[in-house]
Amino acid sequence: MKRAVDERVQQLIDRMPEESLEAWEERSAVREYDGGLSRPHAEAMALLDLLDGEPELLSSARVYRVDLDDEPRHFVSSSEQLLREHAASLGGEIAARRSVAWTVDEEFGGLAELVVAG
């Protein structure tokens, strides 16, 4: 992965999930080469593009779907490793990882209740 020219941009993209970095690089390149922007400007605008579409990208909290006995269960975690271990203790594994906003909207119709995991 390439590093951002501006250290502030780099600090922010370091907080994004791995799958978003590829999108940032692609958008940055398009803005630089096709749009004629300087590299620092293109990188900053690409970051703003991503954040405009998914403002919680900089949050480490994600929703993970774990399929247990053919029934999906959703967990919110800021640590994929911790969730992976918890899923294994339940006899499952991570089936999907999504943003909190996407999951609440798409999986729960705009409202989800959080309960303490046992």
Protein backbone atom coordinates (compact mmCIF):
# COMPACT_ATOMS: atom_id res chain seq x y z
CA MET A 1 0.00 0.00 0.00
CA LYS A 2 1.21 3.46 -0.79
CA ARG A 3 1.70 6.06 1.90
CA ALA A 4 -0.02 9.42 1.81
CA VAL A 5 2.10 12.49 1.19
CA ASP A 6 0.40 14.42 3.99
CA GLU A 7 0.99 12.90 7.43
CA ARG A 8 -2.48 13.94 8.65
CA VAL A 9 -4.09 12.02 5.79
CA GLN A 10 -1.86 9.03 6.57
CA GLN A 11 -2.88 9.08 10.23
CA LEU A 12 -6.52 8.91 9.22
CA ILE A 13 -6.16 6.17 6.62
CA ASP A 14 -4.14 4.13 9.13
CA ARG A 15 -7.37 3.93 11.16
CA MET A 16 -9.47 2.61 8.27
CA PRO A 17 -10.15 -1.07 7.64
CA GLU A 18 -7.91 -2.82 5.10
CA GLU A 19 -10.63 -3.12 2.46
CA SER A 20 -11.11 0.65 2.42
CA LEU A 21 -7.44 1.33 1.70
CA GLU A 22 -7.72 -0.09 -1.81
CA ALA A 23 -10.71 2.16 -2.52
CA TRP A 24 -8.76 5.15 -1.17
CA GLU A 25 -5.77 4.37 -3.40
CA GLU A 26 -7.97 3.95 -6.47
CA ARG A 27 -9.93 7.15 -5.88
CA SER A 28 -6.74 9.03 -5.15
CA ALA A 29 -5.12 7.85 -8.41
CA VAL A 30 -8.19 8.75 -10.46
CA ARG A 31 -8.35 12.24 -8.95
CA GLU A 32 -4.63 12.76 -9.54
CA TYR A 33 -4.22 11.35 -13.05
CA ASP A 34 -7.65 11.86 -14.59
CA GLY A 35 -8.64 14.90 -12.56
CA GLY A 36 -5.30 16.69 -12.74
CA LEU A 37 -5.03 17.31 -8.99
CA SER A 38 -1.73 17.33 -7.15
CA ARG A 39 -1.05 14.10 -5.29
CA PRO A 40 -1.62 15.58 -1.79
CA HIS A 41 -4.88 17.20 -2.93
CA ALA A 42 -6.04 14.01 -4.65
CA GLU A 43 -5.30 11.92 -1.56
CA ALA A 44 -7.18 14.31 0.72
CA MET A 45 -10.18 14.45 -1.62
CA ALA A 46 -10.22 10.65 -1.92
CA LEU A 47 -10.32 10.40 1.86
CA LEU A 48 -13.21 12.87 1.98
CA ASP A 49 -15.04 10.83 -0.69
CA LEU A 50 -14.81 7.71 1.46
CA LEU A 51 -15.83 9.49 4.65
CA ASP A 52 -18.77 11.13 2.89
CA GLY A 53 -20.09 7.69 1.96
CA GLU A 54 -19.27 6.02 5.26
CA PRO A 55 -18.55 8.51 8.08
CA GLU A 56 -17.78 5.80 10.62
CA LEU A 57 -14.79 4.49 8.64
CA LEU A 58 -12.44 5.90 11.24
CA SER A 59 -14.17 4.05 14.07
CA SER A 60 -12.76 0.68 15.00
CA ALA A 61 -16.23 -0.67 15.87
CA ARG A 62 -17.64 -3.07 13.29
CA VAL A 63 -20.55 -5.47 13.20
CA TYR A 64 -19.65 -9.09 12.57
CA ARG A 65 -22.14 -11.71 11.49
CA VAL A 66 -21.49 -15.14 12.90
CA ASP A 67 -23.56 -18.04 11.59
CA LEU A 68 -24.40 -20.51 14.35
CA ASP A 69 -26.58 -23.53 13.59
CA ASP A 70 -27.74 -21.87 10.36
CA GLU A 71 -28.89 -18.82 12.31
CA PRO A 72 -27.05 -15.53 11.90
CA ARG A 73 -26.05 -13.63 15.04
CA HIS A 74 -24.60 -10.14 14.98
CA PHE A 75 -21.88 -8.85 17.28
CA VAL A 76 -20.40 -5.37 17.63
CA SER A 77 -16.68 -5.37 18.37
CA SER A 78 -13.68 -3.10 18.11
CA SER A 79 -11.37 -6.13 17.94
CA GLU A 80 -11.70 -8.67 15.15
CA GLN A 81 -9.35 -11.02 16.98
CA LEU A 82 -11.48 -10.93 20.14
CA LEU A 83 -14.61 -11.55 18.07
CA ARG A 84 -12.91 -14.40 16.17
CA GLU A 85 -12.08 -16.08 19.49
CA HIS A 86 -15.61 -15.55 20.81
CA ALA A 87 -17.15 -16.94 17.62
CA ALA A 88 -14.93 -20.02 17.87
CA SER A 89 -15.98 -20.55 21.50
CA LEU A 90 -19.59 -20.59 20.27
CA GLY A 91 -18.76 -23.06 17.51
CA GLY A 92 -18.89 -20.58 14.64
CA GLU A 93 -16.76 -18.25 12.63
CA ILE A 94 -17.07 -14.79 11.18
CA ALA A 95 -19.27 -14.86 8.09
CA ALA A 96 -19.28 -11.11 7.32
CA ARG A 97 -17.98 -7.78 8.56
CA ARG A 98 -19.95 -4.59 7.98
CA SER A 99 -20.21 -1.05 9.24
CA VAL A 100 -22.55 -0.40 12.13
CA ALA A 101 -24.72 1.95 10.04
CA TRP A 102 -25.06 -0.52 7.15
CA THR A 103 -26.00 -3.36 9.49
CA VAL A 104 -28.58 -1.33 11.41
CA ASP A 105 -30.18 -0.14 8.17
CA GLU A 106 -29.98 -3.30 6.07
CA GLU A 107 -30.21 -6.12 8.60
CA PHE A 108 -32.45 -4.53 11.22
CA GLY A 109 -34.59 -2.04 9.31
CA GLY A 110 -33.10 1.02 10.97
CA LEU A 111 -33.25 -0.07 14.62
CA ALA A 112 -31.18 -2.65 16.50
CA GLU A 113 -31.06 -3.44 20.20
CA LEU A 114 -27.74 -4.26 21.82
CA VAL A 115 -27.70 -6.80 24.63
CA VAL A 116 -24.79 -7.99 26.74
CA ALA A 117 -23.18 -11.16 25.37
CA GLY A 118 -23.17 -14.02 27.87
